[in-house]
Amino acid sequence: MTDTPAVQRVQSDSHWEETMGFARAVAAGDRVLVPGTMPLVGGEVSGEGSPYEQALLAFGNALAALEKFGLGPESVIRTRMYISHARDSEDVGRAHKELFGAVRPAGSIVVVAGFVDSRVLVEVDVEAFRGAPE
């Protein structure tokens, strides 16, 4: 499958993308979706044991993908934070507020049973809008 002007894809250095066959980000029209972003640095899990640090790293990776489309945090309209322990919600929420407090995207935190790598405490999805400014 190739990109069309209406659909564009970008990849990162995550081996999961190649192994499972997905893109780091997909832009379709005015929407840019960045799914399942983990706290990886150089392809390795980082921030082990710290949900706050992992949230910052995961969101940082998602924002790096948005940058490839010329977008920043101000373009984010929705976030989803997946955590493996409810006790981590405050730390993850604090990281979210630091990055998106001025933007205030629609957001949710969901507690899940776990992730493909047991060292991961946080995974995030980000959706951005790249339409014309008002």
Protein backbone atom coordinates (compact mmCIF):
# COMPACT_ATOMS: atom_id res chain seq x y z
CA MET A 1 0.00 0.00 0.00
CA THR A 2 1.32 3.45 -0.85
CA ASP A 3 0.50 6.83 0.60
CA THR A 4 -1.90 9.09 -1.23
CA PRO A 5 -2.11 12.87 -0.85
CA ALA A 6 -5.05 12.30 1.53
CA VAL A 7 -3.29 9.62 3.63
CA GLN A 8 0.31 9.86 4.81
CA ARG A 9 2.26 7.63 7.19
CA VAL A 10 5.44 7.99 9.23
CA GLN A 11 7.54 5.37 11.02
CA SER A 12 9.84 5.53 14.03
CA ASP A 13 12.64 3.29 15.29
CA SER A 14 10.26 1.03 17.24
CA HIS A 15 10.68 -2.60 16.22
CA TRP A 16 7.00 -3.14 17.13
CA GLU A 17 5.93 -1.19 14.04
CA GLU A 18 7.84 -3.49 11.72
CA THR A 19 6.98 -6.67 13.63
CA MET A 20 3.25 -5.92 13.79
CA GLY A 21 2.85 -3.91 10.60
CA PHE A 22 1.65 -0.51 11.78
CA ALA A 23 2.71 3.11 11.39
CA ARG A 24 3.82 5.45 14.18
CA ALA A 25 1.42 8.07 12.84
CA VAL A 26 -1.15 8.30 10.08
CA ALA A 27 -2.54 11.52 8.70
CA ALA A 28 -5.89 11.24 6.94
CA GLY A 29 -7.26 14.55 5.79
CA ASP A 30 -7.20 16.96 8.72
CA ARG A 31 -6.71 14.25 11.37
CA VAL A 32 -3.39 12.84 12.53
CA LEU A 33 -3.50 9.70 14.66
CA VAL A 34 -0.58 8.55 16.79
CA PRO A 35 -1.52 5.20 18.39
CA GLY A 36 0.02 2.95 21.02
CA THR A 37 3.05 5.07 21.86
CA MET A 38 5.35 3.60 24.50
CA PRO A 39 8.17 5.18 26.55
CA LEU A 40 10.95 4.06 24.21
CA VAL A 41 14.33 5.71 23.81
CA GLY A 42 16.50 4.25 21.05
CA GLY A 43 14.04 1.39 20.73
CA GLU A 44 14.36 0.40 24.40
CA VAL A 45 11.93 0.90 27.30
CA SER A 46 13.03 3.84 29.42
CA GLY A 47 11.86 5.41 32.68
CA GLU A 48 11.43 1.98 34.20
CA GLY A 49 9.44 2.10 37.44
CA SER A 50 8.30 5.72 37.01
CA PRO A 51 4.83 6.27 35.53
CA TYR A 52 5.46 10.04 35.44
CA GLU A 53 8.71 9.69 33.48
CA GLN A 54 7.20 7.07 31.18
CA ALA A 55 4.22 9.32 30.44
CA LEU A 56 6.54 12.21 29.54
CA LEU A 57 8.60 9.93 27.30
CA ALA A 58 5.58 8.35 25.59
CA PHE A 59 3.95 11.72 24.95
CA GLY A 60 7.32 13.03 23.77
CA ASN A 61 7.49 10.22 21.21
CA ALA A 62 3.94 10.96 20.08
CA LEU A 63 4.72 14.68 19.76
CA ALA A 64 7.87 13.84 17.77
CA ALA A 65 5.66 11.95 15.30
CA LEU A 66 3.32 14.96 15.05
CA GLU A 67 6.32 17.20 14.34
CA LYS A 68 6.87 15.25 11.12
CA PHE A 69 3.54 16.71 9.99
CA GLY A 70 4.49 20.21 11.17
CA LEU A 71 2.27 19.97 14.27
CA GLY A 72 2.87 20.60 17.95
CA PRO A 73 1.00 20.20 21.25
CA GLU A 74 -1.40 23.03 20.33
CA SER A 75 -2.82 20.79 17.56
CA VAL A 76 -3.70 17.92 19.92
CA ILE A 77 -7.46 17.46 20.31
CA ARG A 78 -7.61 14.07 22.07
CA THR A 79 -5.38 11.96 24.30
CA ARG A 80 -5.78 8.49 25.72
CA MET A 81 -3.56 7.26 28.52
CA TYR A 82 -3.42 3.55 29.23
CA ILE A 83 -1.95 2.57 32.59
CA SER A 84 -1.41 -0.82 34.17
CA HIS A 85 -2.06 0.38 37.76
CA ALA A 86 -4.80 2.78 38.92
CA ARG A 87 -2.36 4.11 41.53
CA ASP A 88 -0.36 5.69 38.70
CA SER A 89 -3.18 7.95 37.49
CA GLU A 90 -2.02 11.02 39.42
CA ASP A 91 1.57 10.80 38.16
CA VAL A 92 0.43 10.27 34.58
CA GLY A 93 -2.14 13.06 34.90
CA ARG A 94 0.57 15.42 36.19
CA ALA A 95 2.73 14.69 33.13
CA HIS A 96 -0.29 15.22 30.86
CA LYS A 97 -1.04 18.57 32.46
CA GLU A 98 2.55 19.74 32.05
CA LEU A 99 2.39 19.05 28.32
CA PHE A 100 -1.23 19.84 27.50
CA GLY A 101 -2.57 22.02 30.34
CA ALA A 102 -2.80 25.08 28.10
CA VAL A 103 -4.35 23.08 25.24
CA ARG A 104 -6.86 21.00 27.22
CA PRO A 105 -7.55 18.21 24.70
CA ALA A 106 -10.32 15.71 25.30
CA GLY A 107 -8.66 13.00 27.35
CA SER A 108 -9.16 9.73 29.13
CA ILE A 109 -7.19 7.39 31.37
CA VAL A 110 -7.91 3.68 31.11
CA VAL A 111 -6.54 0.97 33.39
CA VAL A 112 -5.51 -2.11 31.42
CA ALA A 113 -4.31 -5.58 32.40
CA GLY A 114 -0.82 -4.97 31.01
CA PHE A 115 1.33 -4.26 27.98
CA VAL A 116 3.44 -6.34 25.58
CA ASP A 117 6.50 -5.45 27.66
CA SER A 118 6.03 -5.79 31.42
CA ARG A 119 8.39 -2.84 32.11
CA VAL A 120 5.91 -0.48 30.43
CA LEU A 121 3.56 1.26 32.86
CA VAL A 122 2.08 3.79 30.41
CA GLU A 123 1.10 3.83 26.76
CA VAL A 124 -0.56 6.78 25.03
CA ASP A 125 -2.60 7.64 21.94
CA VAL A 126 -2.75 11.18 20.56
CA GLU A 127 -5.05 12.66 17.94
CA ALA A 128 -4.34 16.01 16.34
CA PHE A 129 -6.14 18.35 13.96
CA ARG A 130 -4.22 20.00 11.16
CA GLY A 131 -7.00 22.08 9.67
CA ALA A 132 -6.78 25.73 8.85
CA PRO A 133 -6.63 28.05 11.86
CA GLU A 134 -9.71 30.16 12.52
